[in-house]
Amino acid sequence: MSYQNYDYEVLWFDIFKKVLQQNESLGEGRLDKIQLREITTAIFIARTQRGYVKPVVNTQFTDSVIKLLGDIKDHDRQIEVYKRIKAIIKT
């Protein structure tokens, strides 16, 4: 797909809609509109490169790590778990 023919606005708003849905499930920990816009833009940039959407390739291991970190609500704890997993992978 050529980047000249790609509808970036539709993709951005599609991502934004998904971010809004996820934000609703956070309850009292919901993010404000500015944070949601920034997250959407970061996801949009990560997904697009030269006009095409990169396929997401997750291994079963990656999926399990994402699930594990998603269940942890404390950000510092998420970082700690991430660092430990990274250390295990390096050894």
PDB file of N, CA and C in Angstrom:
ATOM      1  N   MET A   1       0.847  -1.179   0.000  1.00  0.00           N
ATOM      2  CA  MET A   1       0.000   0.000   0.000  1.00  0.00           C
ATOM      3  C   MET A   1       0.888   1.237   0.000  1.00  0.00           C
ATOM      4  N   SER A   2       0.611   2.166  -0.844  1.00  0.00           N
ATOM      5  CA  SER A   2       1.399   3.379  -0.982  1.00  0.00           C
ATOM      6  C   SER A   2       1.052   4.365   0.130  1.00  0.00           C
ATOM      7  N   TYR A   3       2.053   5.063   0.635  1.00  0.00           N
ATOM      8  CA  TYR A   3       1.782   5.993   1.719  1.00  0.00           C
ATOM      9  C   TYR A   3       0.972   7.189   1.248  1.00  0.00           C
ATOM     10  N   GLN A   4       1.014   7.507  -0.053  1.00  0.00           N
ATOM     11  CA  GLN A   4       0.208   8.616  -0.555  1.00  0.00           C
ATOM     12  C   GLN A   4      -1.283   8.290  -0.502  1.00  0.00           C
ATOM     13  N   ASN A   5      -1.634   7.021  -0.576  1.00  0.00           N
ATOM     14  CA  ASN A   5      -3.033   6.615  -0.595  1.00  0.00           C
ATOM     15  C   ASN A   5      -3.539   6.173   0.766  1.00  0.00           C
ATOM     16  N   TYR A   6      -2.716   6.227   1.790  1.00  0.00           N
ATOM     17  CA  TYR A   6      -3.128   5.735   3.104  1.00  0.00           C
ATOM     18  C   TYR A   6      -3.876   6.819   3.859  1.00  0.00           C
ATOM     19  N   ASP A   7      -4.960   6.463   4.502  1.00  0.00           N
ATOM     20  CA  ASP A   7      -5.794   7.415   5.231  1.00  0.00           C
ATOM     21  C   ASP A   7      -5.343   7.474   6.690  1.00  0.00           C
ATOM     22  N   TYR A   8      -4.368   8.321   6.965  1.00  0.00           N
ATOM     23  CA  TYR A   8      -3.788   8.413   8.304  1.00  0.00           C
ATOM     24  C   TYR A   8      -4.803   8.866   9.346  1.00  0.00           C
ATOM     25  N   GLU A   9      -5.685   9.779   8.969  1.00  0.00           N
ATOM     26  CA  GLU A   9      -6.657  10.294   9.931  1.00  0.00           C
ATOM     27  C   GLU A   9      -7.572   9.181  10.442  1.00  0.00           C
ATOM     28  N   VAL A  10      -8.028   8.335   9.528  1.00  0.00           N
ATOM     29  CA  VAL A  10      -8.902   7.234   9.932  1.00  0.00           C
ATOM     30  C   VAL A  10      -8.159   6.295  10.874  1.00  0.00           C
ATOM     31  N   LEU A  11      -6.903   5.993  10.560  1.00  0.00           N
ATOM     32  CA  LEU A  11      -6.112   5.119  11.423  1.00  0.00           C
ATOM     33  C   LEU A  11      -5.933   5.744  12.797  1.00  0.00           C
ATOM     34  N   TRP A  12      -5.604   7.044  12.870  1.00  0.00           N
ATOM     35  CA  TRP A  12      -5.392   7.713  14.152  1.00  0.00           C
ATOM     36  C   TRP A  12      -6.668   7.651  14.995  1.00  0.00           C
ATOM     37  N   PHE A  13      -7.814   7.962  14.390  1.00  0.00           N
ATOM     38  CA  PHE A  13      -9.069   7.948  15.141  1.00  0.00           C
ATOM     39  C   PHE A  13      -9.485   6.529  15.535  1.00  0.00           C
ATOM     40  N   ASP A  14      -9.144   5.554  14.712  1.00  0.00           N
ATOM     41  CA  ASP A  14      -9.415   4.163  15.078  1.00  0.00           C
ATOM     42  C   ASP A  14      -8.616   3.783  16.321  1.00  0.00           C
ATOM     43  N   ILE A  15      -7.354   4.174  16.355  1.00  0.00           N
ATOM     44  CA  ILE A  15      -6.510   3.917  17.529  1.00  0.00           C
ATOM     45  C   ILE A  15      -7.057   4.679  18.738  1.00  0.00           C
ATOM     46  N   PHE A  16      -7.453   5.939  18.532  1.00  0.00           N
ATOM     47  CA  PHE A  16      -7.982   6.760  19.616  1.00  0.00           C
ATOM     48  C   PHE A  16      -9.229   6.120  20.228  1.00  0.00           C
ATOM     49  N   LYS A  17     -10.100   5.575  19.378  1.00  0.00           N
ATOM     50  CA  LYS A  17     -11.315   4.919  19.867  1.00  0.00           C
ATOM     51  C   LYS A  17     -10.958   3.730  20.754  1.00  0.00           C
ATOM     52  N   LYS A  18      -9.947   2.954  20.347  1.00  0.00           N
ATOM     53  CA  LYS A  18      -9.524   1.801  21.149  1.00  0.00           C
ATOM     54  C   LYS A  18      -8.901   2.257  22.470  1.00  0.00           C
ATOM     55  N   VAL A  19      -8.122   3.343  22.427  1.00  0.00           N
ATOM     56  CA  VAL A  19      -7.507   3.882  23.647  1.00  0.00           C
ATOM     57  C   VAL A  19      -8.596   4.364  24.608  1.00  0.00           C
ATOM     58  N   LEU A  20      -9.632   5.024  24.088  1.00  0.00           N
ATOM     59  CA  LEU A  20     -10.746   5.482  24.929  1.00  0.00           C
ATOM     60  C   LEU A  20     -11.443   4.308  25.611  1.00  0.00           C
ATOM     61  N   GLN A  21     -11.659   3.232  24.861  1.00  0.00           N
ATOM     62  CA  GLN A  21     -12.311   2.057  25.427  1.00  0.00           C
ATOM     63  C   GLN A  21     -11.465   1.461  26.548  1.00  0.00           C
ATOM     64  N   GLN A  22     -10.162   1.369  26.338  1.00  0.00           N
ATOM     65  CA  GLN A  22      -9.285   0.840  27.379  1.00  0.00           C
ATOM     66  C   GLN A  22      -9.259   1.764  28.592  1.00  0.00           C
ATOM     67  N   ASN A  23      -9.293   3.063  28.348  1.00  0.00           N
ATOM     68  CA  ASN A  23      -9.259   4.030  29.435  1.00  0.00           C
ATOM     69  C   ASN A  23     -10.497   3.915  30.325  1.00  0.00           C
ATOM     70  N   GLU A  24     -11.643   3.633  29.735  1.00  0.00           N
ATOM     71  CA  GLU A  24     -12.875   3.487  30.510  1.00  0.00           C
ATOM     72  C   GLU A  24     -12.774   2.354  31.526  1.00  0.00           C
ATOM     73  N   SER A  25     -12.013   1.330  31.193  1.00  0.00           N
ATOM     74  CA  SER A  25     -11.900   0.182  32.102  1.00  0.00           C
ATOM     75  C   SER A  25     -10.976   0.456  33.283  1.00  0.00           C
ATOM     76  N   LEU A  26     -10.309   1.604  33.292  1.00  0.00           N
ATOM     77  CA  LEU A  26      -9.371   1.915  34.378  1.00  0.00           C
ATOM     78  C   LEU A  26     -10.053   2.462  35.628  1.00  0.00           C
ATOM     79  N   GLY A  27     -11.315   2.811  35.539  1.00  0.00           N
ATOM     80  CA  GLY A  27     -12.023   3.325  36.713  1.00  0.00           C
ATOM     81  C   GLY A  27     -11.452   4.660  37.158  1.00  0.00           C
ATOM     82  N   GLU A  28     -11.100   4.745  38.442  1.00  0.00           N
ATOM     83  CA  GLU A  28     -10.584   6.001  38.992  1.00  0.00           C
ATOM     84  C   GLU A  28      -9.207   6.361  38.442  1.00  0.00           C
ATOM     85  N   GLY A  29      -8.498   5.395  37.904  1.00  0.00           N
ATOM     86  CA  GLY A  29      -7.160   5.648  37.373  1.00  0.00           C
ATOM     87  C   GLY A  29      -7.158   6.122  35.934  1.00  0.00           C
ATOM     88  N   ARG A  30      -8.318   6.561  35.428  1.00  0.00           N
ATOM     89  CA  ARG A  30      -8.425   7.000  34.038  1.00  0.00           C
ATOM     90  C   ARG A  30      -7.500   8.173  33.755  1.00  0.00           C
ATOM     91  N   LEU A  31      -7.040   8.207  32.508  1.00  0.00           N
ATOM     92  CA  LEU A  31      -6.169   9.283  32.057  1.00  0.00           C
ATOM     93  C   LEU A  31      -6.997  10.442  31.526  1.00  0.00           C
ATOM     94  N   ASP A  32      -6.406  11.641  31.519  1.00  0.00           N
ATOM     95  CA  ASP A  32      -7.139  12.787  30.979  1.00  0.00           C
ATOM     96  C   ASP A  32      -7.000  12.831  29.452  1.00  0.00           C
ATOM     97  N   LYS A  33      -7.736  13.719  28.826  1.00  0.00           N
ATOM     98  CA  LYS A  33      -7.803  13.780  27.358  1.00  0.00           C
ATOM     99  C   LYS A  33      -6.441  14.062  26.728  1.00  0.00           C
ATOM    100  N   ILE A  34      -5.630  14.896  27.356  1.00  0.00           N
ATOM    101  CA  ILE A  34      -4.301  15.204  26.803  1.00  0.00           C
ATOM    102  C   ILE A  34      -3.434  13.954  26.804  1.00  0.00           C
ATOM    103  N   GLN A  35      -3.451  13.211  27.892  1.00  0.00           N
ATOM    104  CA  GLN A  35      -2.670  11.979  27.972  1.00  0.00           C
ATOM    105  C   GLN A  35      -3.157  10.958  26.946  1.00  0.00           C
ATOM    106  N   LEU A  36      -4.474  10.868  26.767  1.00  0.00           N
ATOM    107  CA  LEU A  36      -5.031   9.940  25.792  1.00  0.00           C
ATOM    108  C   LEU A  36      -4.583  10.301  24.372  1.00  0.00           C
ATOM    109  N   ARG A  37      -4.564  11.587  24.080  1.00  0.00           N
ATOM    110  CA  ARG A  37      -4.124  12.047  22.757  1.00  0.00           C
ATOM    111  C   ARG A  37      -2.647  11.712  22.545  1.00  0.00           C
ATOM    112  N   GLU A  38      -1.830  11.916  23.564  1.00  0.00           N
ATOM    113  CA  GLU A  38      -0.407  11.624  23.451  1.00  0.00           C
ATOM    114  C   GLU A  38      -0.157  10.124  23.280  1.00  0.00           C
ATOM    115  N   ILE A  39      -0.891   9.311  24.022  1.00  0.00           N
ATOM    116  CA  ILE A  39      -0.750   7.860  23.899  1.00  0.00           C
ATOM    117  C   ILE A  39      -1.175   7.404  22.511  1.00  0.00           C
ATOM    118  N   THR A  40      -2.294   7.947  22.034  1.00  0.00           N
ATOM    119  CA  THR A  40      -2.774   7.599  20.696  1.00  0.00           C
ATOM    120  C   THR A  40      -1.733   7.954  19.644  1.00  0.00           C
ATOM    121  N   THR A  41      -1.162   9.128  19.754  1.00  0.00           N
ATOM    122  CA  THR A  41      -0.153   9.547  18.783  1.00  0.00           C
ATOM    123  C   THR A  41       1.083   8.662  18.846  1.00  0.00           C
ATOM    124  N   ALA A  42       1.502   8.278  20.048  1.00  0.00           N
ATOM    125  CA  ALA A  42       2.661   7.389  20.186  1.00  0.00           C
ATOM    126  C   ALA A  42       2.383   6.029  19.549  1.00  0.00           C
ATOM    127  N   ILE A  43       1.179   5.498  19.777  1.00  0.00           N
ATOM    128  CA  ILE A  43       0.810   4.215  19.170  1.00  0.00           C
ATOM    129  C   ILE A  43       0.748   4.360  17.658  1.00  0.00           C
ATOM    130  N   PHE A  44       0.180   5.458  17.185  1.00  0.00           N
ATOM    131  CA  PHE A  44       0.069   5.713  15.755  1.00  0.00           C
ATOM    132  C   PHE A  44       1.457   5.735  15.110  1.00  0.00           C
ATOM    133  N   ILE A  45       2.388   6.445  15.720  1.00  0.00           N
ATOM    134  CA  ILE A  45       3.749   6.523  15.186  1.00  0.00           C
ATOM    135  C   ILE A  45       4.409   5.150  15.189  1.00  0.00           C
ATOM    136  N   ALA A  46       4.203   4.395  16.266  1.00  0.00           N
ATOM    137  CA  ALA A  46       4.800   3.070  16.352  1.00  0.00           C
ATOM    138  C   ALA A  46       4.225   2.115  15.313  1.00  0.00           C
ATOM    139  N   ARG A  47       2.950   2.256  14.988  1.00  0.00           N
ATOM    140  CA  ARG A  47       2.300   1.344  14.041  1.00  0.00           C
ATOM    141  C   ARG A  47       2.574   1.704  12.589  1.00  0.00           C
ATOM    142  N   THR A  48       2.871   2.947  12.318  1.00  0.00           N
ATOM    143  CA  THR A  48       3.034   3.359  10.921  1.00  0.00           C
ATOM    144  C   THR A  48       4.494   3.667  10.611  1.00  0.00           C
ATOM    145  N   GLN A  49       4.849   3.358   9.404  1.00  0.00           N
ATOM    146  CA  GLN A  49       6.182   3.695   8.922  1.00  0.00           C
ATOM    147  C   GLN A  49       6.101   3.756   7.402  1.00  0.00           C
ATOM    148  N   ARG A  50       6.353   4.925   6.871  1.00  0.00           N
ATOM    149  CA  ARG A  50       6.303   5.136   5.425  1.00  0.00           C
ATOM    150  C   ARG A  50       4.970   4.716   4.815  1.00  0.00           C
ATOM    151  N   GLY A  51       3.899   4.949   5.555  1.00  0.00           N
ATOM    152  CA  GLY A  51       2.583   4.780   4.977  1.00  0.00           C
ATOM    153  C   GLY A  51       1.951   3.415   5.088  1.00  0.00           C
ATOM    154  N   TYR A  52       2.533   2.482   5.783  1.00  0.00           N
ATOM    155  CA  TYR A  52       1.876   1.191   5.930  1.00  0.00           C
ATOM    156  C   TYR A  52       1.867   0.787   7.400  1.00  0.00           C
ATOM    157  N   VAL A  53       0.907  -0.003   7.745  1.00  0.00           N
ATOM    158  CA  VAL A  53       0.782  -0.478   9.122  1.00  0.00           C
ATOM    159  C   VAL A  53       1.661  -1.707   9.274  1.00  0.00           C
ATOM    160  N   LYS A  54       2.554  -1.637  10.253  1.00  0.00           N
ATOM    161  CA  LYS A  54       3.432  -2.775  10.511  1.00  0.00           C
ATOM    162  C   LYS A  54       2.638  -3.903  11.154  1.00  0.00           C
ATOM    163  N   PRO A  55       2.867  -5.103  10.725  1.00  0.00           N
ATOM    164  CA  PRO A  55       2.187  -6.213  11.405  1.00  0.00           C
ATOM    165  C   PRO A  55       2.765  -6.419  12.800  1.00  0.00           C
ATOM    166  N   VAL A  56       1.896  -6.708  13.731  1.00  0.00           N
ATOM    167  CA  VAL A  56       2.343  -6.971  15.091  1.00  0.00           C
ATOM    168  C   VAL A  56       2.688  -8.447  15.182  1.00  0.00           C
ATOM    169  N   VAL A  57       3.945  -8.703  15.534  1.00  0.00           N
ATOM    170  CA  VAL A  57       4.388 -10.087  15.649  1.00  0.00           C
ATOM    171  C   VAL A  57       4.728 -10.338  17.119  1.00  0.00           C
ATOM    172  N   ASN A  58       3.831 -11.033  17.768  1.00  0.00           N
ATOM    173  CA  ASN A  58       4.056 -11.383  19.165  1.00  0.00           C
ATOM    174  C   ASN A  58       4.231 -12.890  19.282  1.00  0.00           C
ATOM    175  N   THR A  59       5.231 -13.261  20.027  1.00  0.00           N
ATOM    176  CA  THR A  59       5.399 -14.675  20.328  1.00  0.00           C
ATOM    177  C   THR A  59       4.506 -15.003  21.518  1.00  0.00           C
ATOM    178  N   GLN A  60       4.372 -16.256  21.793  1.00  0.00           N
ATOM    179  CA  GLN A  60       3.584 -16.668  22.954  1.00  0.00           C
ATOM    180  C   GLN A  60       4.215 -16.106  24.226  1.00  0.00           C
ATOM    181  N   PHE A  61       5.557 -16.060  24.253  1.00  0.00           N
ATOM    182  CA  PHE A  61       6.266 -15.504  25.410  1.00  0.00           C
ATOM    183  C   PHE A  61       5.935 -14.020  25.578  1.00  0.00           C
ATOM    184  N   THR A  62       5.987 -13.270  24.480  1.00  0.00           N
ATOM    185  CA  THR A  62       5.688 -11.837  24.536  1.00  0.00           C
ATOM    186  C   THR A  62       4.264 -11.612  25.019  1.00  0.00           C
ATOM    187  N   ASP A  63       3.328 -12.385  24.494  1.00  0.00           N
ATOM    188  CA  ASP A  63       1.940 -12.248  24.922  1.00  0.00           C
ATOM    189  C   ASP A  63       1.788 -12.508  26.415  1.00  0.00           C
ATOM    190  N   SER A  64       2.492 -13.509  26.933  1.00  0.00           N
ATOM    191  CA  SER A  64       2.376 -13.820  28.358  1.00  0.00           C
ATOM    192  C   SER A  64       3.000 -12.713  29.216  1.00  0.00           C
ATOM    193  N   VAL A  65       4.085 -12.108  28.745  1.00  0.00           N
ATOM    194  CA  VAL A  65       4.706 -10.997  29.489  1.00  0.00           C
ATOM    195  C   VAL A  65       3.768  -9.791  29.499  1.00  0.00           C
ATOM    196  N   ILE A  66       3.175  -9.491  28.359  1.00  0.00           N
ATOM    197  CA  ILE A  66       2.240  -8.363  28.278  1.00  0.00           C
ATOM    198  C   ILE A  66       1.062  -8.593  29.218  1.00  0.00           C
ATOM    199  N   LYS A  67       0.558  -9.803  29.238  1.00  0.00           N
ATOM    200  CA  LYS A  67      -0.567 -10.130  30.117  1.00  0.00           C
ATOM    201  C   LYS A  67      -0.156  -9.988  31.580  1.00  0.00           C
ATOM    202  N   LEU A  68       1.026 -10.481  31.907  1.00  0.00           N
ATOM    203  CA  LEU A  68       1.522 -10.382  33.277  1.00  0.00           C
ATOM    204  C   LEU A  68       1.651  -8.922  33.708  1.00  0.00           C
ATOM    205  N   LEU A  69       2.263  -8.112  32.875  1.00  0.00           N
ATOM    206  CA  LEU A  69       2.462  -6.707  33.224  1.00  0.00           C
ATOM    207  C   LEU A  69       1.150  -5.943  33.229  1.00  0.00           C
ATOM    208  N   GLY A  70       0.198  -6.355  32.392  1.00  0.00           N
ATOM    209  CA  GLY A  70      -1.101  -5.691  32.356  1.00  0.00           C
ATOM    210  C   GLY A  70      -1.895  -5.885  33.636  1.00  0.00           C
ATOM    211  N   ASP A  71      -1.680  -6.999  34.309  1.00  0.00           N
ATOM    212  CA  ASP A  71      -2.394  -7.271  35.552  1.00  0.00           C
ATOM    213  C   ASP A  71      -1.801  -6.520  36.736  1.00  0.00           C
ATOM    214  N   ILE A  72      -0.586  -6.024  36.578  1.00  0.00           N
ATOM    215  CA  ILE A  72       0.081  -5.284  37.654  1.00  0.00           C
ATOM    216  C   ILE A  72      -0.266  -3.809  37.487  1.00  0.00           C
ATOM    217  N   LYS A  73      -0.913  -3.234  38.482  1.00  0.00           N
ATOM    218  CA  LYS A  73      -1.372  -1.841  38.384  1.00  0.00           C
ATOM    219  C   LYS A  73      -0.307  -0.833  38.813  1.00  0.00           C
ATOM    220  N   ASP A  74       0.625  -1.231  39.669  1.00  0.00           N
ATOM    221  CA  ASP A  74       1.661  -0.334  40.166  1.00  0.00           C
ATOM    222  C   ASP A  74       2.770  -0.214  39.120  1.00  0.00           C
ATOM    223  N   HIS A  75       2.998   0.998  38.622  1.00  0.00           N
ATOM    224  CA  HIS A  75       3.971   1.222  37.555  1.00  0.00           C
ATOM    225  C   HIS A  75       5.388   0.826  37.972  1.00  0.00           C
ATOM    226  N   ASP A  76       5.770   1.148  39.196  1.00  0.00           N
ATOM    227  CA  ASP A  76       7.107   0.777  39.668  1.00  0.00           C
ATOM    228  C   ASP A  76       7.289  -0.738  39.676  1.00  0.00           C
ATOM    229  N   ARG A  77       6.240  -1.436  40.033  1.00  0.00           N
ATOM    230  CA  ARG A  77       6.284  -2.908  40.036  1.00  0.00           C
ATOM    231  C   ARG A  77       6.393  -3.444  38.602  1.00  0.00           C
ATOM    232  N   GLN A  78       5.696  -2.817  37.656  1.00  0.00           N
ATOM    233  CA  GLN A  78       5.804  -3.207  36.254  1.00  0.00           C
ATOM    234  C   GLN A  78       7.251  -3.087  35.775  1.00  0.00           C
ATOM    235  N   ILE A  79       7.875  -1.980  36.110  1.00  0.00           N
ATOM    236  CA  ILE A  79       9.266  -1.755  35.698  1.00  0.00           C
ATOM    237  C   ILE A  79      10.180  -2.802  36.332  1.00  0.00           C
ATOM    238  N   GLU A  80       9.955  -3.106  37.598  1.00  0.00           N
ATOM    239  CA  GLU A  80      10.765  -4.110  38.288  1.00  0.00           C
ATOM    240  C   GLU A  80      10.635  -5.478  37.610  1.00  0.00           C
ATOM    241  N   VAL A  81       9.411  -5.861  37.284  1.00  0.00           N
ATOM    242  CA  VAL A  81       9.192  -7.149  36.613  1.00  0.00           C
ATOM    243  C   VAL A  81       9.858  -7.136  35.241  1.00  0.00           C
ATOM    244  N   TYR A  82       9.707  -6.051  34.501  1.00  0.00           N
ATOM    245  CA  TYR A  82      10.328  -5.930  33.188  1.00  0.00           C
ATOM    246  C   TYR A  82      11.843  -6.090  33.285  1.00  0.00           C
ATOM    247  N   LYS A  83      12.471  -5.399  34.241  1.00  0.00           N
ATOM    248  CA  LYS A  83      13.927  -5.481  34.393  1.00  0.00           C
ATOM    249  C   LYS A  83      14.376  -6.899  34.740  1.00  0.00           C
ATOM    250  N   ARG A  84      13.614  -7.574  35.585  1.00  0.00           N
ATOM    251  CA  ARG A  84      13.973  -8.949  35.957  1.00  0.00           C
ATOM    252  C   ARG A  84      13.856  -9.888  34.764  1.00  0.00           C
ATOM    253  N   ILE A  85      12.803  -9.732  33.985  1.00  0.00           N
ATOM    254  CA  ILE A  85      12.649 -10.566  32.793  1.00  0.00           C
ATOM    255  C   ILE A  85      13.791 -10.291  31.818  1.00  0.00           C
ATOM    256  N   LYS A  86      14.143  -9.028  31.650  1.00  0.00           N
ATOM    257  CA  LYS A  86      15.238  -8.657  30.753  1.00  0.00           C
ATOM    258  C   LYS A  86      16.551  -9.277  31.223  1.00  0.00           C
ATOM    259  N   ALA A  87      16.787  -9.273  32.537  1.00  0.00           N
ATOM    260  CA  ALA A  87      18.004  -9.860  33.085  1.00  0.00           C
ATOM    261  C   ALA A  87      18.029 -11.374  32.836  1.00  0.00           C
ATOM    262  N   ILE A  88      16.892 -12.014  32.997  1.00  0.00           N
ATOM    263  CA  ILE A  88      16.823 -13.465  32.753  1.00  0.00           C
ATOM    264  C   ILE A  88      17.116 -13.784  31.293  1.00  0.00           C
ATOM    265  N   ILE A  89      16.582 -12.977  30.406  1.00  0.00           N
ATOM    266  CA  ILE A  89      16.793 -13.208  28.959  1.00  0.00           C
ATOM    267  C   ILE A  89      18.259 -13.060  28.583  1.00  0.00           C
ATOM    268  N   LYS A  90      18.935 -12.101  29.221  1.00  0.00           N
ATOM    269  CA  LYS A  90      20.349 -11.858  28.894  1.00  0.00           C
ATOM    270  C   LYS A  90      21.259 -12.984  29.357  1.00  0.00           C
ATOM    271  N   THR A  91      20.843 -13.734  30.380  1.00  0.00           N
ATOM    272  CA  THR A  91      21.713 -14.810  30.898  1.00  0.00           C
ATOM    273  C   THR A  91      21.531 -16.097  30.153  1.00  0.00           C
TER     274      THR A  91
END
